Amino acid sequence: MARTKVNVAALYAALDAARASRDLSWRQLAVQVGVSPSTMTRLANGNRPDVDAFAALVSWLGEPAESFMVDEGVRLGEVPEEPELLVQLAPLLRARSDLGEADVKHLEELIGAAVRRFAADRESGSR
């Protein structure tokens, strides 16, 4: 049976992008989020945050917790399902200081349309 875990690398990358776009230090980000600076150090070292810290971090990012969850221990022969592309890209797009909310929405719509087209092409055998 698969076990769901926090994808620490993805969470850390999303936090780093948001931190950089807001010109914050890691300590300043910790204060804004309401977690200890040592939580950020643990994330940088690949360690999972505790439940309360995880909730605060994803809330600060404005992302659903599921965006940063992966199934571990997938049985041999099983191909783990990849998260949706937009779920992975949304935090990066929203973290960009050079993109407004309308820009992000437009890019999400464009990427979503492309992903749907690729999926339709695969189903029809066009690719």
N, C-alpha and C. Protein backbone atom coordinates (compact mmCIF):
# COMPACT_ATOMS: atom_id res chain seq x y z
N MET A 1 0.84 -1.18 0.00
CA MET A 1 0.00 0.00 0.00
C MET A 1 0.89 1.25 0.00
N ALA A 2 0.54 2.20 -0.82
CA ALA A 2 1.32 3.44 -0.92
C ALA A 2 1.10 4.30 0.32
N ARG A 3 2.14 5.02 0.69
CA ARG A 3 2.08 5.89 1.86
C ARG A 3 2.33 7.32 1.39
N THR A 4 1.47 8.23 1.78
CA THR A 4 1.59 9.61 1.35
C THR A 4 2.52 10.38 2.27
N LYS A 5 3.44 11.13 1.65
CA LYS A 5 4.41 11.93 2.40
C LYS A 5 4.48 13.32 1.80
N VAL A 6 5.08 14.22 2.56
CA VAL A 6 5.32 15.57 2.08
C VAL A 6 6.50 15.54 1.12
N ASN A 7 6.32 16.17 -0.04
CA ASN A 7 7.40 16.33 -1.00
C ASN A 7 8.20 17.56 -0.56
N VAL A 8 9.18 17.34 0.29
CA VAL A 8 9.94 18.43 0.89
C VAL A 8 10.65 19.27 -0.17
N ALA A 9 11.20 18.62 -1.18
CA ALA A 9 11.92 19.36 -2.23
C ALA A 9 11.00 20.33 -2.96
N ALA A 10 9.79 19.89 -3.28
CA ALA A 10 8.84 20.76 -3.98
C ALA A 10 8.38 21.90 -3.07
N LEU A 11 8.14 21.59 -1.81
CA LEU A 11 7.72 22.62 -0.86
C LEU A 11 8.82 23.66 -0.69
N TYR A 12 10.04 23.20 -0.52
CA TYR A 12 11.17 24.11 -0.34
C TYR A 12 11.37 24.98 -1.59
N ALA A 13 11.24 24.39 -2.77
CA ALA A 13 11.40 25.14 -4.02
C ALA A 13 10.32 26.22 -4.16
N ALA A 14 9.08 25.88 -3.81
CA ALA A 14 8.00 26.86 -3.89
C ALA A 14 8.22 27.99 -2.89
N LEU A 15 8.66 27.64 -1.68
CA LEU A 15 8.96 28.66 -0.67
C LEU A 15 10.11 29.54 -1.12
N ASP A 16 11.14 28.93 -1.69
CA ASP A 16 12.29 29.70 -2.14
C ASP A 16 11.91 30.67 -3.25
N ALA A 17 11.07 30.23 -4.18
CA ALA A 17 10.63 31.12 -5.27
C ALA A 17 9.81 32.28 -4.71
N ALA A 18 8.89 31.97 -3.80
CA ALA A 18 8.06 33.03 -3.21
C ALA A 18 8.91 33.97 -2.36
N ARG A 19 9.86 33.42 -1.63
CA ARG A 19 10.76 34.22 -0.79
C ARG A 19 11.58 35.17 -1.65
N ALA A 20 12.15 34.66 -2.72
CA ALA A 20 12.99 35.47 -3.60
C ALA A 20 12.17 36.56 -4.29
N SER A 21 10.96 36.21 -4.71
CA SER A 21 10.13 37.20 -5.40
C SER A 21 9.70 38.34 -4.48
N ARG A 22 9.65 38.06 -3.19
CA ARG A 22 9.26 39.08 -2.22
C ARG A 22 10.47 39.72 -1.53
N ASP A 23 11.65 39.32 -2.00
CA ASP A 23 12.91 39.86 -1.48
C ASP A 23 13.01 39.69 0.04
N LEU A 24 12.72 38.46 0.50
CA LEU A 24 12.78 38.15 1.92
C LEU A 24 13.96 37.24 2.22
N SER A 25 14.51 37.37 3.41
CA SER A 25 15.48 36.39 3.87
C SER A 25 14.68 35.19 4.40
N TRP A 26 15.37 34.09 4.63
CA TRP A 26 14.68 32.92 5.18
C TRP A 26 14.14 33.23 6.58
N ARG A 27 14.88 34.01 7.34
CA ARG A 27 14.43 34.38 8.69
C ARG A 27 13.15 35.24 8.60
N GLN A 28 13.13 36.19 7.67
CA GLN A 28 11.94 37.04 7.49
C GLN A 28 10.74 36.21 7.05
N LEU A 29 10.99 35.24 6.16
CA LEU A 29 9.91 34.36 5.73
C LEU A 29 9.36 33.58 6.92
N ALA A 30 10.24 33.05 7.75
CA ALA A 30 9.80 32.29 8.94
C ALA A 30 8.92 33.14 9.83
N VAL A 31 9.31 34.40 10.03
CA VAL A 31 8.51 35.30 10.86
C VAL A 31 7.14 35.53 10.23
N GLN A 32 7.11 35.79 8.93
CA GLN A 32 5.83 36.01 8.25
C GLN A 32 4.91 34.80 8.33
N VAL A 33 5.51 33.61 8.18
CA VAL A 33 4.72 32.38 8.20
C VAL A 33 4.29 32.03 9.62
N GLY A 34 5.12 32.38 10.59
CA GLY A 34 4.81 32.05 11.97
C GLY A 34 5.43 30.74 12.41
N VAL A 35 6.58 30.40 11.80
CA VAL A 35 7.31 29.20 12.20
C VAL A 35 8.71 29.62 12.64
N SER A 36 9.42 28.71 13.26
CA SER A 36 10.78 29.03 13.72
C SER A 36 11.74 28.99 12.54
N PRO A 37 12.80 29.78 12.61
CA PRO A 37 13.83 29.72 11.56
C PRO A 37 14.43 28.32 11.43
N SER A 38 14.46 27.57 12.52
CA SER A 38 15.01 26.21 12.45
C SER A 38 14.13 25.31 11.57
N THR A 39 12.85 25.63 11.44
CA THR A 39 11.98 24.88 10.53
C THR A 39 12.49 25.03 9.10
N MET A 40 12.90 26.24 8.75
CA MET A 40 13.42 26.48 7.40
C MET A 40 14.73 25.73 7.19
N THR A 41 15.55 25.67 8.21
CA THR A 41 16.81 24.93 8.12
C THR A 41 16.54 23.45 7.92
N ARG A 42 15.56 22.93 8.66
CA ARG A 42 15.21 21.51 8.51
C ARG A 42 14.72 21.22 7.09
N LEU A 43 13.90 22.12 6.54
CA LEU A 43 13.44 21.95 5.16
C LEU A 43 14.61 21.96 4.19
N ALA A 44 15.54 22.89 4.38
CA ALA A 44 16.71 22.99 3.51
C ALA A 44 17.53 21.71 3.55
N ASN A 45 17.50 21.03 4.68
CA ASN A 45 18.23 19.77 4.84
C ASN A 45 17.42 18.55 4.42
N GLY A 46 16.21 18.78 3.87
CA GLY A 46 15.39 17.68 3.37
C GLY A 46 14.51 17.02 4.39
N ASN A 47 14.38 17.62 5.58
CA ASN A 47 13.54 17.05 6.63
C ASN A 47 12.13 17.60 6.55
N ARG A 48 11.18 16.75 6.84
CA ARG A 48 9.77 17.16 6.78
C ARG A 48 9.41 18.07 7.94
N PRO A 49 8.53 19.04 7.68
CA PRO A 49 8.06 19.90 8.77
C PRO A 49 7.01 19.15 9.59
N ASP A 50 6.76 19.63 10.81
CA ASP A 50 5.66 19.04 11.57
C ASP A 50 4.34 19.50 10.95
N VAL A 51 3.25 18.92 11.40
CA VAL A 51 1.94 19.17 10.79
C VAL A 51 1.56 20.64 10.86
N ASP A 52 1.75 21.27 12.03
CA ASP A 52 1.37 22.68 12.17
C ASP A 52 2.21 23.57 11.27
N ALA A 53 3.51 23.30 11.19
CA ALA A 53 4.38 24.09 10.33
C ALA A 53 4.00 23.89 8.86
N PHE A 54 3.70 22.64 8.48
CA PHE A 54 3.29 22.36 7.10
C PHE A 54 2.03 23.14 6.75
N ALA A 55 1.06 23.13 7.64
CA ALA A 55 -0.19 23.87 7.40
C ALA A 55 0.08 25.36 7.24
N ALA A 56 0.93 25.91 8.09
CA ALA A 56 1.26 27.33 8.01
C ALA A 56 1.98 27.66 6.71
N LEU A 57 2.89 26.80 6.30
CA LEU A 57 3.67 27.04 5.08
C LEU A 57 2.81 27.02 3.83
N VAL A 58 1.96 26.00 3.70
CA VAL A 58 1.12 25.93 2.50
C VAL A 58 0.06 27.03 2.51
N SER A 59 -0.39 27.41 3.69
CA SER A 59 -1.34 28.51 3.79
C SER A 59 -0.68 29.81 3.33
N TRP A 60 0.55 30.05 3.76
CA TRP A 60 1.28 31.26 3.35
C TRP A 60 1.50 31.27 1.85
N LEU A 61 1.77 30.09 1.27
CA LEU A 61 1.95 29.99 -0.18
C LEU A 61 0.63 30.16 -0.93
N GLY A 62 -0.48 29.91 -0.24
CA GLY A 62 -1.78 29.98 -0.90
C GLY A 62 -2.04 28.77 -1.78
N GLU A 63 -1.43 27.65 -1.41
CA GLU A 63 -1.56 26.42 -2.19
C GLU A 63 -2.22 25.34 -1.36
N PRO A 64 -2.96 24.44 -2.00
CA PRO A 64 -3.51 23.31 -1.25
C PRO A 64 -2.38 22.37 -0.82
N ALA A 65 -2.54 21.79 0.33
CA ALA A 65 -1.53 20.88 0.87
C ALA A 65 -1.24 19.73 -0.10
N GLU A 66 -2.24 19.29 -0.84
CA GLU A 66 -2.08 18.18 -1.77
C GLU A 66 -1.04 18.48 -2.85
N SER A 67 -0.78 19.76 -3.10
CA SER A 67 0.22 20.13 -4.10
C SER A 67 1.60 19.63 -3.72
N PHE A 68 1.80 19.39 -2.44
CA PHE A 68 3.13 19.02 -1.95
C PHE A 68 3.14 17.63 -1.32
N MET A 69 2.24 16.76 -1.79
CA MET A 69 2.16 15.40 -1.28
C MET A 69 2.52 14.41 -2.39
N VAL A 70 3.22 13.35 -2.01
CA VAL A 70 3.57 12.28 -2.94
C VAL A 70 3.30 10.95 -2.28
N ASP A 71 3.04 9.95 -3.10
CA ASP A 71 2.87 8.59 -2.58
C ASP A 71 4.20 7.88 -2.62
N GLU A 72 4.65 7.40 -1.45
CA GLU A 72 5.89 6.65 -1.33
C GLU A 72 5.55 5.18 -1.28
N GLY A 73 6.50 4.37 -1.62
CA GLY A 73 6.30 2.92 -1.51
C GLY A 73 5.36 2.35 -2.54
N VAL A 74 5.36 2.93 -3.73
CA VAL A 74 4.53 2.38 -4.79
C VAL A 74 5.05 0.99 -5.13
N ARG A 75 4.14 0.05 -5.30
CA ARG A 75 4.53 -1.33 -5.55
C ARG A 75 5.31 -1.49 -6.86
N LEU A 76 6.17 -2.49 -6.89
CA LEU A 76 6.98 -2.77 -8.06
C LEU A 76 6.08 -2.95 -9.28
N GLY A 77 6.43 -2.30 -10.37
CA GLY A 77 5.64 -2.42 -11.60
C GLY A 77 4.60 -1.32 -11.74
N GLU A 78 4.27 -0.67 -10.64
CA GLU A 78 3.30 0.42 -10.70
C GLU A 78 4.02 1.71 -11.09
N VAL A 79 3.37 2.47 -11.91
CA VAL A 79 3.92 3.77 -12.28
C VAL A 79 3.18 4.82 -11.44
N PRO A 80 3.93 5.54 -10.59
CA PRO A 80 3.25 6.53 -9.77
C PRO A 80 2.66 7.64 -10.65
N GLU A 81 1.48 8.06 -10.29
CA GLU A 81 0.82 9.12 -11.04
C GLU A 81 1.49 10.45 -10.72
N GLU A 82 1.85 11.17 -11.77
CA GLU A 82 2.49 12.47 -11.57
C GLU A 82 1.42 13.49 -11.20
N PRO A 83 1.79 14.47 -10.37
CA PRO A 83 0.83 15.52 -10.08
C PRO A 83 0.53 16.31 -11.35
N GLU A 84 -0.61 16.93 -11.37
CA GLU A 84 -0.98 17.74 -12.53
C GLU A 84 0.07 18.83 -12.73
N LEU A 85 0.35 19.11 -13.99
CA LEU A 85 1.37 20.10 -14.33
C LEU A 85 1.03 21.46 -13.73
N LEU A 86 -0.24 21.86 -13.82
CA LEU A 86 -0.61 23.18 -13.28
C LEU A 86 -0.45 23.24 -11.77
N VAL A 87 -0.64 22.13 -11.10
CA VAL A 87 -0.46 22.10 -9.64
C VAL A 87 1.01 22.37 -9.31
N GLN A 88 1.89 21.83 -10.14
CA GLN A 88 3.32 22.05 -9.92
C GLN A 88 3.75 23.46 -10.32
N LEU A 89 3.16 23.99 -11.39
CA LEU A 89 3.58 25.29 -11.90
C LEU A 89 2.94 26.48 -11.18
N ALA A 90 1.76 26.29 -10.64
CA ALA A 90 1.03 27.41 -10.03
C ALA A 90 1.84 28.17 -8.99
N PRO A 91 2.51 27.48 -8.04
CA PRO A 91 3.27 28.24 -7.05
C PRO A 91 4.40 29.06 -7.70
N LEU A 92 5.00 28.51 -8.73
CA LEU A 92 6.08 29.23 -9.40
C LEU A 92 5.56 30.45 -10.15
N LEU A 93 4.43 30.29 -10.82
CA LEU A 93 3.84 31.42 -11.53
C LEU A 93 3.41 32.52 -10.56
N ARG A 94 2.78 32.12 -9.47
CA ARG A 94 2.30 33.12 -8.50
C ARG A 94 3.42 33.81 -7.76
N ALA A 95 4.57 33.16 -7.70
CA ALA A 95 5.71 33.75 -6.99
C ALA A 95 6.44 34.79 -7.83
N ARG A 96 6.13 34.86 -9.11
CA ARG A 96 6.82 35.81 -9.99
C ARG A 96 6.36 37.23 -9.71
N SER A 97 7.31 38.10 -9.43
CA SER A 97 6.95 39.51 -9.16
C SER A 97 6.62 40.26 -10.45
N ASP A 98 7.03 39.71 -11.59
CA ASP A 98 6.78 40.40 -12.85
C ASP A 98 5.46 39.98 -13.50
N LEU A 99 4.69 39.14 -12.81
CA LEU A 99 3.39 38.71 -13.33
C LEU A 99 2.28 39.16 -12.39
N GLY A 100 1.29 39.81 -12.95
CA GLY A 100 0.11 40.18 -12.17
C GLY A 100 -0.85 39.00 -12.09
N GLU A 101 -1.89 39.15 -11.30
CA GLU A 101 -2.87 38.08 -11.12
C GLU A 101 -3.52 37.71 -12.46
N ALA A 102 -3.84 38.70 -13.28
CA ALA A 102 -4.44 38.43 -14.60
C ALA A 102 -3.46 37.67 -15.49
N ASP A 103 -2.17 38.03 -15.41
CA ASP A 103 -1.14 37.33 -16.20
C ASP A 103 -1.07 35.86 -15.79
N VAL A 104 -1.06 35.62 -14.48
CA VAL A 104 -0.97 34.25 -13.98
C VAL A 104 -2.19 33.45 -14.44
N LYS A 105 -3.36 34.04 -14.32
CA LYS A 105 -4.59 33.35 -14.73
C LYS A 105 -4.54 33.01 -16.23
N HIS A 106 -4.07 33.95 -17.03
CA HIS A 106 -3.97 33.73 -18.47
C HIS A 106 -2.98 32.59 -18.77
N LEU A 107 -1.82 32.61 -18.13
CA LEU A 107 -0.84 31.56 -18.34
C LEU A 107 -1.38 30.20 -17.90
N GLU A 108 -2.09 30.17 -16.78
CA GLU A 108 -2.68 28.91 -16.32
C GLU A 108 -3.69 28.38 -17.33
N GLU A 109 -4.48 29.28 -17.92
CA GLU A 109 -5.44 28.86 -18.94
C GLU A 109 -4.74 28.32 -20.18
N LEU A 110 -3.68 29.01 -20.62
CA LEU A 110 -2.93 28.56 -21.79
C LEU A 110 -2.27 27.20 -21.55
N ILE A 111 -1.63 27.05 -20.41
CA ILE A 111 -0.96 25.79 -20.09
C ILE A 111 -2.00 24.68 -19.95
N GLY A 112 -3.12 24.98 -19.31
CA GLY A 112 -4.19 24.00 -19.15
C GLY A 112 -4.72 23.53 -20.50
N ALA A 113 -4.90 24.47 -21.44
CA ALA A 113 -5.37 24.11 -22.78
C ALA A 113 -4.36 23.22 -23.48
N ALA A 114 -3.08 23.54 -23.35
CA ALA A 114 -2.04 22.73 -23.98
C ALA A 114 -2.02 21.32 -23.38
N VAL A 115 -2.11 21.22 -22.07
CA VAL A 115 -2.10 19.91 -21.40
C VAL A 115 -3.29 19.07 -21.86
N ARG A 116 -4.47 19.69 -21.96
CA ARG A 116 -5.66 18.96 -22.43
C ARG A 116 -5.47 18.49 -23.86
N ARG A 117 -4.87 19.32 -24.70
CA ARG A 117 -4.61 18.96 -26.10
C ARG A 117 -3.65 17.78 -26.18
N PHE A 118 -2.56 17.84 -25.39
CA PHE A 118 -1.59 16.74 -25.40
C PHE A 118 -2.25 15.44 -24.96
N ALA A 119 -3.10 15.51 -23.94
CA ALA A 119 -3.78 14.32 -23.44
C ALA A 119 -4.71 13.76 -24.52
N ALA A 120 -5.43 14.64 -25.21
CA ALA A 120 -6.34 14.20 -26.28
C ALA A 120 -5.55 13.56 -27.41
N ASP A 121 -4.40 14.13 -27.75
CA ASP A 121 -3.55 13.56 -28.80
C ASP A 121 -3.06 12.17 -28.41
N ARG A 122 -2.67 12.00 -27.15
CA ARG A 122 -2.21 10.68 -26.70
C ARG A 122 -3.33 9.66 -26.75
N GLU A 123 -4.52 10.07 -26.34
CA GLU A 123 -5.66 9.14 -26.34
C GLU A 123 -6.06 8.70 -27.75
N SER A 124 -5.93 9.63 -28.69
CA SER A 124 -6.31 9.31 -30.06
C SER A 124 -5.18 8.63 -30.85
N GLY A 125 -4.00 8.58 -30.23
CA GLY A 125 -2.86 7.95 -30.89
C GLY A 125 -2.18 8.83 -31.92
N SER A 126 -2.43 10.13 -31.85
CA SER A 126 -1.86 11.07 -32.81
C SER A 126 -0.38 11.29 -32.60
N ARG A 127 0.13 10.97 -31.45
CA ARG A 127 1.54 11.24 -31.16
C ARG A 127 2.35 10.01 -31.19
